[in-house]
Amino acid sequence: MGGDRRRGRLGPAISIAPGARVDRFEVFFDLVFVFSFFIITRATAMDVTGRSLLHAMLVLAVLWWVWVVHCVVATRVRLGEGFVPALMVLAMAALFCFALSLPQAFGPTQEMAAGPMVVAISYLVIRAVHLLLYWHVAKERPGERRLLLKYSPELVASTLLLVGAALIPPLIDDPGLADGVRDGLWVSVVVLQYGMGLVAGAWGWTVTSAEHWTERYDLILIIALGESVISVGVGSNLLGQPPTWPAVAAAVLGIFFTAALWWAHYDVVGPAARIALHVAKGRSRVAMARDAYAYFYLVMIAGIILFALGAEEIVHDIADPDVPLSEAPHGPGVPLLFGGVACYLSANMLFQLRTLRTLSWSRLGTVVLLIAAIPVAGRLPGLAALALLTAICVGLVTVEVVVLADSRRALRDVVFQEKAEHEAHEAAVRARWHDHAEHEPST
C-alpha cells in the first residue's frame, strides 16, 4: 500500500507514444555511460597488450548489453516521468559503481578482491531494476510478462557467471589457469547475453517509436566519438606543458579524422536508416532494431575505442619533447589507430547493408586501403602517420559528397518535408489545446 501511495504522489509510469523523442532524463542517464567508456579506455591505455584489449572488449560487451536492455525498457515507458526517475536513479548509482570497479575486474587472481564482486552485484542491481520496471509496465499484456519469465534466466545465469569470475579464480593455485578460467567465464557471459538476444528473436517485443530508438543510439555513438576526442586531448598533454606546433597539429588532425568518421555515419547512412526503421513494421522492425542498432553499433563503438587508444599513444609521443619528431611510433599505436577506423567503417557498412540493403564500394575500398596502410604508416613519423589516416578519412568523405550528391539532395528534401509537416501538425494540435484552454470557464 505504501509503495502504491508513493507512486501515486510521484505520478504513474507513462507509456511511450509513437513518434516520441528522447527525454532529458535519458540524456542525464547517459552521463554515467560517458564515464564508463572513459574508464574502459583509460584502464586499457595504462598497459596496451593483447590480453588487456580482450578484457576491454569483454567489459564493453557486457556494458553494452546493459545499454541494450535499458533501451528495450525505454521503448515501453518514459524514463523521465512519474515514479520511474526515482527507480532509475538507483540504476544510475549501480552503473556508476560498476564503472568504478571495471579496472579491478581483471586484476591479479591470487587473492580475493572487492572489485570483481562489486562488478557482479552492481550488474545484478541494474538488470533487476530494468526487469522490475518492465514487469510493471507489461502488466496489461500477459504475453509480455510470460516472455520476461521465459528469458529472465539469462539475468540469473549471467550474474552467477560474473560472481564465479570473482570467486573461483582466487581458489586456483596456478595463476595462468586462474586467469584463463576468469576470462572464460566472462566470455560465457557475453555469449549467453548476445546468444539469448538471437534466440529471443523478434516475437513479442515492440519498437513503438522508431524515432526514439534511432535517436537513442545516435546519441550514444556521439558520446563514444567524444571519447576519442578526449583521448587525443589526453595524449597531446597541452594542459601539462607549453604547446608545441607538433602537438597542436596532432590535436587538429585528431579532430579532423574524428569529424570525418562522424560525417560517414550521420550525413546519409544514419538518417536514411532512421527512415527505413520507420517504414518497417512488426517483427521486421524489431529484427532490424536488434541487428543494426543493438549488435552492429557495438562493433562500431569497439572500433572507436580501439582507434582512440591508438590515437592517444601516437599523439602522446608527438607531444613529448624528448621523442624526436622524425621517429616512427613504437608499440601498437598504428595498428590500433588504423585497425580501429577500419573496424568502425566495416561495422557501419554492415549497418548500412542491414537497414538500407545497399553496399558502399567507396567504403569497402577505404577499409582495404586502411589495412594496407598499416605497415606503411608504421615506418612513418607519428605526425605523418596521423596525417595519412586523416587524408584517407577526409578523402572518403570527399568522394562520397561528390558521388552521392543526388542521393544526399533527395534525402535532405525528404527530411525537410517530413520536419515541415511534423511542425505544422504539432502547431495545429497545440493551437487547438490553447483555444480549448482559453474557452474553459475559470473557477
Protein backbone atom coordinates (compact mmCIF):
# COMPACT_ATOMS: atom_id res chain seq x y z
CA MET A 1 0.00 0.00 0.00
CA GLY A 2 2.82 2.39 0.90
CA GLY A 3 4.51 1.75 -2.45
CA ASP A 4 1.23 2.46 -4.27
CA ARG A 5 0.81 5.75 -2.38
CA ARG A 6 4.38 6.82 -3.21
CA ARG A 7 3.84 6.03 -6.88
CA GLY A 8 0.58 7.98 -6.71
CA ARG A 9 2.31 11.03 -5.32
CA LEU A 10 5.12 10.88 -7.86
CA GLY A 11 2.78 10.01 -10.72
CA PRO A 12 2.24 6.87 -12.79
CA ALA A 13 4.56 5.44 -15.41
CA ILE A 14 3.85 6.93 -18.85
CA SER A 15 3.90 4.75 -21.95
CA ILE A 16 5.98 5.65 -24.98
CA ALA A 17 3.92 7.16 -27.79
CA PRO A 18 4.65 6.67 -31.50
CA GLY A 19 6.94 9.46 -32.63
CA ALA A 20 8.26 10.11 -29.11
CA ARG A 21 11.72 11.65 -28.76
CA VAL A 22 14.46 11.12 -26.19
CA ASP A 23 13.71 12.99 -22.96
CA ARG A 24 16.18 14.93 -20.82
CA PHE A 25 16.42 12.31 -18.10
CA GLU A 26 17.68 9.75 -20.60
CA VAL A 27 20.48 12.12 -21.61
CA PHE A 28 21.23 12.59 -17.90
CA PHE A 29 21.46 8.80 -17.53
CA ASP A 30 23.92 8.74 -20.44
CA LEU A 31 26.42 10.73 -18.39
CA VAL A 32 27.24 7.56 -16.46
CA PHE A 33 27.85 5.73 -19.73
CA VAL A 34 30.21 8.55 -20.73
CA PHE A 35 32.16 7.80 -17.57
CA SER A 36 32.08 4.06 -18.30
CA PHE A 37 33.55 4.49 -21.79
CA PHE A 38 36.19 6.79 -20.31
CA ILE A 39 37.12 4.23 -17.65
CA ILE A 40 37.43 1.41 -20.20
CA THR A 41 39.74 3.48 -22.39
CA ARG A 42 41.82 4.84 -19.51
CA ALA A 43 42.27 1.42 -17.86
CA THR A 44 43.36 -0.15 -21.16
CA ALA A 45 45.68 2.73 -22.08
CA MET A 46 47.75 2.08 -18.93
CA ASP A 47 49.01 -1.21 -20.40
CA VAL A 48 48.06 -1.91 -24.01
CA THR A 49 48.53 -5.64 -24.59
CA GLY A 50 46.56 -8.30 -26.38
CA ARG A 51 45.09 -9.53 -23.10
CA SER A 52 44.16 -6.04 -21.90
CA LEU A 53 42.41 -5.38 -25.21
CA LEU A 54 40.48 -8.64 -24.81
CA HIS A 55 39.43 -7.57 -21.33
CA ALA A 56 38.38 -4.15 -22.61
CA MET A 57 36.20 -5.70 -25.31
CA LEU A 58 34.61 -8.14 -22.83
CA VAL A 59 33.79 -5.34 -20.42
CA LEU A 60 32.45 -3.20 -23.29
CA ALA A 61 30.23 -6.07 -24.50
CA VAL A 62 28.72 -6.63 -21.03
CA LEU A 63 28.24 -2.88 -20.54
CA TRP A 64 26.66 -2.57 -23.97
CA TRP A 65 24.17 -5.34 -23.19
CA VAL A 66 23.07 -3.31 -20.18
CA TRP A 67 22.58 -0.40 -22.59
CA VAL A 68 20.52 -2.57 -24.97
CA VAL A 69 18.24 -3.78 -22.18
CA HIS A 70 17.96 -0.19 -20.97
CA CYS A 71 16.79 0.86 -24.45
CA VAL A 72 14.29 -2.01 -24.61
CA VAL A 73 12.74 -0.77 -21.36
CA ALA A 74 12.75 2.79 -22.72
CA THR A 75 10.68 1.63 -25.72
CA ARG A 76 7.78 0.94 -23.33
CA VAL A 77 7.95 3.67 -20.67
CA ARG A 78 9.14 7.26 -20.38
CA LEU A 79 12.13 7.15 -18.06
CA GLY A 80 11.70 10.77 -17.00
CA GLU A 81 8.02 10.62 -16.00
CA GLY A 82 6.11 9.57 -12.88
CA PHE A 83 7.86 7.39 -10.29
CA VAL A 84 10.26 5.97 -12.91
CA PRO A 85 13.11 8.52 -12.44
CA ALA A 86 13.34 7.63 -8.74
CA LEU A 87 13.85 4.00 -9.71
CA MET A 88 16.29 4.82 -12.49
CA VAL A 89 18.49 6.86 -10.14
CA LEU A 90 19.12 3.60 -8.28
CA ALA A 91 20.20 2.01 -11.57
CA MET A 92 22.45 5.01 -12.26
CA ALA A 93 24.16 4.61 -8.89
CA ALA A 94 24.70 0.90 -9.56
CA LEU A 95 26.05 1.65 -13.04
CA PHE A 96 28.44 4.21 -11.57
CA CYS A 97 29.74 1.60 -9.09
CA PHE A 98 30.02 -0.86 -11.98
CA ALA A 99 32.18 1.61 -13.93
CA LEU A 100 34.35 2.45 -10.91
CA SER A 101 35.11 -1.25 -10.40
CA LEU A 102 35.94 -2.09 -14.01
CA PRO A 103 39.73 -1.52 -13.67
CA GLN A 104 39.81 -4.18 -10.92
CA ALA A 105 37.57 -6.66 -12.74
CA PHE A 106 40.61 -8.31 -14.36
CA GLY A 107 43.19 -7.69 -11.66
CA PRO A 108 45.52 -10.29 -10.13
CA THR A 109 43.73 -13.54 -9.28
CA GLN A 110 46.00 -14.65 -6.42
CA GLU A 111 43.78 -13.12 -3.74
CA MET A 112 40.16 -12.18 -3.21
CA ALA A 113 39.38 -8.62 -4.32
CA ALA A 114 36.33 -6.45 -3.82
CA GLY A 115 36.32 -5.05 -7.38
CA PRO A 116 35.02 -8.15 -9.22
CA MET A 117 32.28 -8.66 -6.62
CA VAL A 118 31.20 -5.03 -6.90
CA VAL A 119 31.01 -5.53 -10.66
CA ALA A 120 28.74 -8.57 -10.25
CA ILE A 121 26.49 -7.00 -7.60
CA SER A 122 26.16 -3.72 -9.49
CA TYR A 123 25.31 -5.61 -12.65
CA LEU A 124 22.58 -7.52 -10.81
CA VAL A 125 21.08 -4.31 -9.40
CA ILE A 126 20.99 -2.61 -12.82
CA ARG A 127 19.40 -5.57 -14.56
CA ALA A 128 16.94 -6.14 -11.70
CA VAL A 129 15.74 -2.53 -11.89
CA HIS A 130 15.16 -2.90 -15.62
CA LEU A 131 13.38 -6.22 -15.15
CA LEU A 132 11.09 -4.93 -12.39
CA LEU A 133 10.24 -1.79 -14.34
CA TYR A 134 9.40 -3.73 -17.49
CA TRP A 135 7.38 -6.21 -15.43
CA HIS A 136 5.37 -3.31 -14.04
CA VAL A 137 4.63 -1.67 -17.40
CA ALA A 138 3.79 -5.04 -19.02
CA LYS A 139 1.04 -5.81 -16.50
CA GLU A 140 -1.66 -5.19 -19.10
CA ARG A 141 -0.02 -7.58 -21.58
CA PRO A 142 0.22 -11.10 -20.09
CA GLY A 143 2.10 -12.27 -23.18
CA GLU A 144 4.94 -9.88 -22.46
CA ARG A 145 5.13 -10.98 -18.84
CA ARG A 146 5.37 -14.60 -19.94
CA LEU A 147 8.13 -13.57 -22.34
CA LEU A 148 10.01 -11.89 -19.48
CA LEU A 149 9.73 -15.04 -17.38
CA LYS A 150 10.98 -17.10 -20.31
CA TYR A 151 14.14 -15.06 -20.80
CA SER A 152 14.81 -13.80 -17.25
CA PRO A 153 17.05 -16.87 -16.56
CA GLU A 154 19.66 -15.04 -18.67
CA LEU A 155 19.86 -12.42 -15.93
CA VAL A 156 20.35 -15.06 -13.24
CA ALA A 157 22.88 -17.05 -15.25
CA SER A 158 24.96 -14.05 -16.33
CA THR A 159 25.07 -12.75 -12.75
CA LEU A 160 26.16 -16.15 -11.43
CA LEU A 161 28.89 -16.29 -14.08
CA LEU A 162 30.18 -12.86 -13.02
CA VAL A 163 30.11 -13.93 -9.36
CA GLY A 164 32.01 -17.06 -10.36
CA ALA A 165 34.57 -14.91 -12.19
CA ALA A 166 35.10 -13.06 -8.91
CA LEU A 167 35.22 -16.04 -6.51
CA ILE A 168 36.62 -19.04 -8.39
CA PRO A 169 40.00 -17.78 -9.79
CA PRO A 170 41.49 -16.93 -6.34
CA LEU A 171 40.92 -20.58 -5.32
CA ILE A 172 43.14 -21.85 -8.16
CA ASP A 173 46.86 -22.09 -7.40
CA ASP A 174 48.07 -21.83 -10.99
CA PRO A 175 47.90 -18.09 -11.95
CA GLY A 176 47.74 -18.85 -15.67
CA LEU A 177 44.88 -21.30 -15.22
CA ALA A 178 43.10 -18.88 -12.89
CA ASP A 179 43.31 -16.10 -15.48
CA GLY A 180 42.03 -18.46 -18.16
CA VAL A 181 39.05 -19.53 -16.04
CA ARG A 182 38.15 -15.93 -15.26
CA ASP A 183 38.39 -14.88 -18.91
CA GLY A 184 36.38 -17.94 -19.94
CA LEU A 185 33.58 -17.04 -17.52
CA TRP A 186 33.44 -13.51 -18.91
CA VAL A 187 33.33 -14.86 -22.47
CA SER A 188 30.48 -17.14 -21.38
CA VAL A 189 28.56 -14.10 -20.11
CA VAL A 190 28.91 -12.35 -23.47
CA VAL A 191 27.95 -15.47 -25.46
CA LEU A 192 24.94 -16.03 -23.20
CA GLN A 193 23.71 -12.44 -23.50
CA TYR A 194 24.00 -11.98 -27.24
CA GLY A 195 23.03 -15.56 -27.98
CA MET A 196 19.85 -15.06 -25.97
CA GLY A 197 19.15 -11.93 -27.98
CA LEU A 198 19.24 -14.03 -31.16
CA VAL A 199 17.21 -16.87 -29.66
CA ALA A 200 14.58 -14.45 -28.40
CA GLY A 201 14.08 -13.29 -31.96
CA ALA A 202 11.56 -10.57 -32.72
CA TRP A 203 8.47 -12.25 -31.27
CA GLY A 204 6.64 -10.44 -28.51
CA TRP A 205 8.76 -7.27 -28.47
CA THR A 206 7.79 -3.92 -29.93
CA VAL A 207 9.58 -0.76 -31.01
CA THR A 208 6.75 1.73 -30.60
CA SER A 209 8.75 4.79 -31.65
CA ALA A 210 11.37 4.32 -34.33
CA GLU A 211 12.33 7.96 -33.80
CA HIS A 212 13.10 7.35 -30.13
CA TRP A 213 15.06 4.15 -30.80
CA THR A 214 17.28 5.63 -33.51
CA GLU A 215 17.86 8.87 -31.62
CA ARG A 216 18.82 6.89 -28.51
CA TYR A 217 21.58 5.02 -30.34
CA ASP A 218 22.74 8.01 -32.34
CA LEU A 219 23.33 9.93 -29.11
CA ILE A 220 25.37 7.14 -27.52
CA LEU A 221 27.50 6.85 -30.69
CA ILE A 222 28.26 10.57 -30.48
CA ILE A 223 29.27 10.02 -26.85
CA ALA A 224 31.70 7.31 -27.96
CA LEU A 225 33.15 9.59 -30.65
CA GLY A 226 33.54 12.21 -27.95
CA GLU A 227 35.68 9.74 -26.02
CA SER A 228 38.08 9.61 -28.98
CA VAL A 229 38.37 13.40 -28.83
CA ILE A 230 39.15 13.14 -25.12
CA SER A 231 41.85 10.56 -25.87
CA VAL A 232 43.50 12.89 -28.39
CA GLY A 233 43.40 15.67 -25.81
CA VAL A 234 44.90 13.44 -23.11
CA GLY A 235 47.62 12.31 -25.49
CA SER A 236 48.53 15.84 -26.55
CA ASN A 237 49.00 16.88 -22.90
CA LEU A 238 48.66 20.52 -23.87
CA LEU A 239 47.49 21.33 -20.34
CA GLY A 240 50.65 19.92 -18.78
CA GLN A 241 53.26 21.65 -20.89
CA PRO A 242 53.72 24.64 -23.22
CA PRO A 243 52.04 23.98 -26.58
CA THR A 244 54.28 22.99 -29.47
CA TRP A 245 53.37 23.03 -33.13
CA PRO A 246 53.57 19.20 -33.48
CA ALA A 247 51.20 18.73 -30.53
CA VAL A 248 48.76 21.32 -31.87
CA ALA A 249 48.95 19.82 -35.37
CA ALA A 250 48.30 16.32 -33.99
CA ALA A 251 45.32 17.57 -31.99
CA VAL A 252 43.87 19.29 -35.05
CA LEU A 253 44.34 16.18 -37.19
CA GLY A 254 42.60 14.14 -34.48
CA ILE A 255 39.58 16.44 -34.67
CA PHE A 256 39.58 16.25 -38.48
CA PHE A 257 39.53 12.47 -38.80
CA THR A 258 37.02 12.09 -35.95
CA ALA A 259 34.74 14.61 -37.68
CA ALA A 260 35.13 12.63 -40.91
CA LEU A 261 34.01 9.46 -39.12
CA TRP A 262 31.06 11.35 -37.68
CA TRP A 263 30.18 12.51 -41.19
CA ALA A 264 30.48 8.96 -42.55
CA HIS A 265 27.52 7.87 -40.42
CA TYR A 266 25.39 10.95 -39.81
CA ASP A 267 25.47 12.54 -43.27
CA VAL A 268 23.49 9.92 -45.22
CA VAL A 269 23.55 6.44 -43.66
CA GLY A 270 22.15 7.34 -40.23
CA PRO A 271 19.21 9.50 -41.46
CA ALA A 272 18.34 7.01 -44.21
CA ALA A 273 18.42 4.12 -41.72
CA ARG A 274 16.07 6.04 -39.43
CA ILE A 275 13.56 6.30 -42.29
CA ALA A 276 13.98 2.59 -43.03
CA LEU A 277 13.19 1.69 -39.42
CA HIS A 278 10.10 3.93 -39.55
CA VAL A 279 8.92 2.08 -42.66
CA ALA A 280 9.48 -1.38 -41.15
CA LYS A 281 6.60 -2.78 -39.10
CA GLY A 282 6.08 -5.52 -36.51
CA ARG A 283 8.72 -8.22 -36.30
CA SER A 284 10.70 -6.78 -39.20
CA ARG A 285 11.12 -3.52 -37.28
CA VAL A 286 12.22 -5.31 -34.12
CA ALA A 287 14.66 -7.54 -36.01
CA MET A 288 16.19 -4.54 -37.77
CA ALA A 289 16.43 -2.62 -34.50
CA ARG A 290 18.20 -5.56 -32.86
CA ASP A 291 20.62 -6.43 -35.66
CA ALA A 292 21.56 -2.97 -36.90
CA TYR A 293 21.47 -0.97 -33.69
CA ALA A 294 21.94 -3.38 -30.77
CA TYR A 295 24.61 -5.54 -32.45
CA PHE A 296 26.39 -3.56 -35.18
CA TYR A 297 26.60 -0.40 -33.07
CA LEU A 298 28.62 -2.41 -30.55
CA VAL A 299 31.24 -3.18 -33.20
CA MET A 300 31.31 0.48 -34.25
CA ILE A 301 31.90 1.59 -30.66
CA ALA A 302 34.57 -1.09 -30.21
CA GLY A 303 36.32 0.35 -33.26
CA ILE A 304 36.10 3.85 -31.77
CA ILE A 305 37.70 2.70 -28.52
CA LEU A 306 40.48 0.93 -30.44
CA PHE A 307 41.39 3.92 -32.59
CA ALA A 308 41.08 6.21 -29.56
CA LEU A 309 43.74 4.11 -27.81
CA GLY A 310 45.97 4.24 -30.87
CA ALA A 311 45.48 7.99 -31.32
CA GLU A 312 46.33 8.67 -27.67
CA GLU A 313 49.54 6.67 -27.86
CA ILE A 314 50.73 8.30 -31.09
CA VAL A 315 49.76 11.84 -30.08
CA HIS A 316 51.47 11.37 -26.71
CA ASP A 317 54.76 10.57 -28.48
CA ILE A 318 54.31 13.51 -30.85
CA ALA A 319 53.74 15.90 -27.94
CA ASP A 320 56.67 14.53 -25.91
CA PRO A 321 59.64 16.90 -26.42
CA ASP A 322 62.04 14.06 -25.57
CA VAL A 323 60.86 11.96 -28.54
CA PRO A 324 62.38 13.02 -31.90
CA LEU A 325 59.70 14.20 -34.32
CA SER A 326 61.18 12.04 -37.09
CA GLU A 327 60.95 8.85 -35.02
CA ALA A 328 58.41 6.23 -36.08
CA PRO A 329 55.79 5.22 -33.46
CA HIS A 330 56.63 2.28 -31.24
CA GLY A 331 54.16 -0.22 -29.87
CA PRO A 332 50.65 -0.98 -31.11
CA GLY A 333 49.61 2.64 -31.74
CA VAL A 334 49.48 2.47 -35.55
CA PRO A 335 47.68 -0.92 -35.81
CA LEU A 336 45.14 0.22 -33.21
CA LEU A 337 44.58 3.55 -34.95
CA PHE A 338 44.18 2.25 -38.50
CA GLY A 339 42.60 -1.05 -37.47
CA GLY A 340 40.08 0.69 -35.21
CA VAL A 341 38.95 3.01 -38.01
CA ALA A 342 38.70 0.01 -40.36
CA CYS A 343 36.59 -1.80 -37.72
CA TYR A 344 34.30 1.24 -37.37
CA LEU A 345 33.77 1.57 -41.12
CA SER A 346 33.26 -2.20 -41.57
CA ALA A 347 30.55 -2.25 -38.91
CA ASN A 348 28.99 0.83 -40.47
CA MET A 349 28.87 -0.98 -43.82
CA LEU A 350 27.10 -3.92 -42.15
CA PHE A 351 24.71 -1.44 -40.55
CA GLN A 352 24.03 0.08 -43.98
CA LEU A 353 23.57 -3.35 -45.55
CA ARG A 354 21.08 -4.42 -42.85
CA THR A 355 18.98 -1.26 -42.88
CA LEU A 356 19.24 0.01 -46.47
CA ARG A 357 20.24 -3.21 -48.26
CA THR A 358 23.00 -1.37 -50.08
CA LEU A 359 26.78 -1.58 -50.00
CA SER A 360 29.18 1.33 -50.40
CA TRP A 361 32.12 0.35 -52.60
CA SER A 362 33.96 3.52 -51.64
CA ARG A 363 33.88 2.43 -48.01
CA LEU A 364 34.92 -1.10 -48.87
CA GLY A 365 37.88 0.31 -50.75
CA THR A 366 38.70 2.59 -47.83
CA VAL A 367 38.76 -0.35 -45.40
CA VAL A 368 41.14 -2.25 -47.71
CA LEU A 369 43.31 0.87 -48.01
CA LEU A 370 43.41 1.36 -44.23
CA ILE A 371 44.55 -2.22 -43.65
CA ALA A 372 47.16 -2.00 -46.43
CA ALA A 373 48.43 1.30 -44.99
CA ILE A 374 49.28 -0.16 -41.57
CA PRO A 375 52.81 -1.38 -42.48
CA VAL A 376 53.49 1.86 -44.36
CA ALA A 377 52.28 4.07 -41.50
CA GLY A 378 54.35 2.02 -39.05
CA ARG A 379 57.52 3.27 -40.75
CA LEU A 380 56.45 6.92 -40.89
CA PRO A 381 56.90 9.52 -38.15
CA GLY A 382 53.90 9.71 -35.84
CA LEU A 383 52.62 13.01 -37.21
CA ALA A 384 52.90 11.72 -40.78
CA ALA A 385 51.01 8.53 -39.84
CA LEU A 386 48.25 10.61 -38.29
CA ALA A 387 48.16 12.84 -41.39
CA LEU A 388 47.92 9.76 -43.63
CA LEU A 389 44.92 8.45 -41.69
CA THR A 390 43.25 11.87 -41.78
CA ALA A 391 43.81 12.12 -45.54
CA ILE A 392 42.20 8.69 -46.07
CA CYS A 393 39.15 9.55 -43.91
CA VAL A 394 38.67 13.03 -45.38
CA GLY A 395 39.19 11.55 -48.86
CA LEU A 396 36.35 9.08 -48.23
CA VAL A 397 34.04 11.92 -47.23
CA THR A 398 35.05 13.99 -50.27
CA VAL A 399 34.42 11.11 -52.67
CA GLU A 400 31.00 10.38 -51.17
CA VAL A 401 29.99 14.05 -51.23
CA VAL A 402 30.65 14.07 -55.00
CA VAL A 403 29.37 10.59 -55.89
CA LEU A 404 26.27 10.70 -53.69
CA ALA A 405 25.36 14.31 -54.45
CA ASP A 406 21.95 13.43 -55.92
CA SER A 407 21.14 10.96 -53.15
CA ARG A 408 22.16 13.44 -50.46
CA ARG A 409 19.99 16.15 -52.01
CA ALA A 410 16.98 13.82 -52.31
CA LEU A 411 17.39 12.64 -48.71
CA ARG A 412 17.55 16.18 -47.40
CA ASP A 413 14.44 17.13 -49.35
CA VAL A 414 12.57 14.22 -47.78
CA VAL A 415 13.80 15.06 -44.30
CA PHE A 416 12.92 18.74 -44.74
CA GLN A 417 9.41 17.87 -45.93
CA GLU A 418 8.98 15.48 -43.02
CA LYS A 419 10.08 18.09 -40.47
CA ALA A 420 7.88 20.78 -42.03
CA GLU A 421 4.79 18.53 -41.95
CA HIS A 422 5.56 17.47 -38.40
CA GLU A 423 5.93 21.10 -37.28
CA ALA A 424 2.67 22.08 -38.98
CA HIS A 425 0.81 19.18 -37.36
CA GLU A 426 2.29 19.92 -33.94
CA ALA A 427 1.41 23.61 -34.23
CA ALA A 428 -2.18 22.73 -35.14
CA VAL A 429 -2.54 20.37 -32.18
CA ARG A 430 -1.14 22.93 -29.75
CA ALA A 431 -3.35 25.66 -31.20
CA ARG A 432 -6.44 23.51 -30.53
CA TRP A 433 -5.24 22.87 -26.99
CA HIS A 434 -4.60 26.60 -26.46
CA ASP A 435 -8.03 27.56 -27.81
CA HIS A 436 -9.67 24.94 -25.60
CA ALA A 437 -7.83 26.25 -22.53
CA GLU A 438 -8.91 29.83 -23.28
CA HIS A 439 -12.59 28.89 -23.55
CA GLU A 440 -12.66 26.85 -20.34
CA PRO A 441 -14.60 28.65 -17.58
CA SER A 442 -12.40 29.90 -14.76
CA THR A 443 -13.03 28.56 -11.27
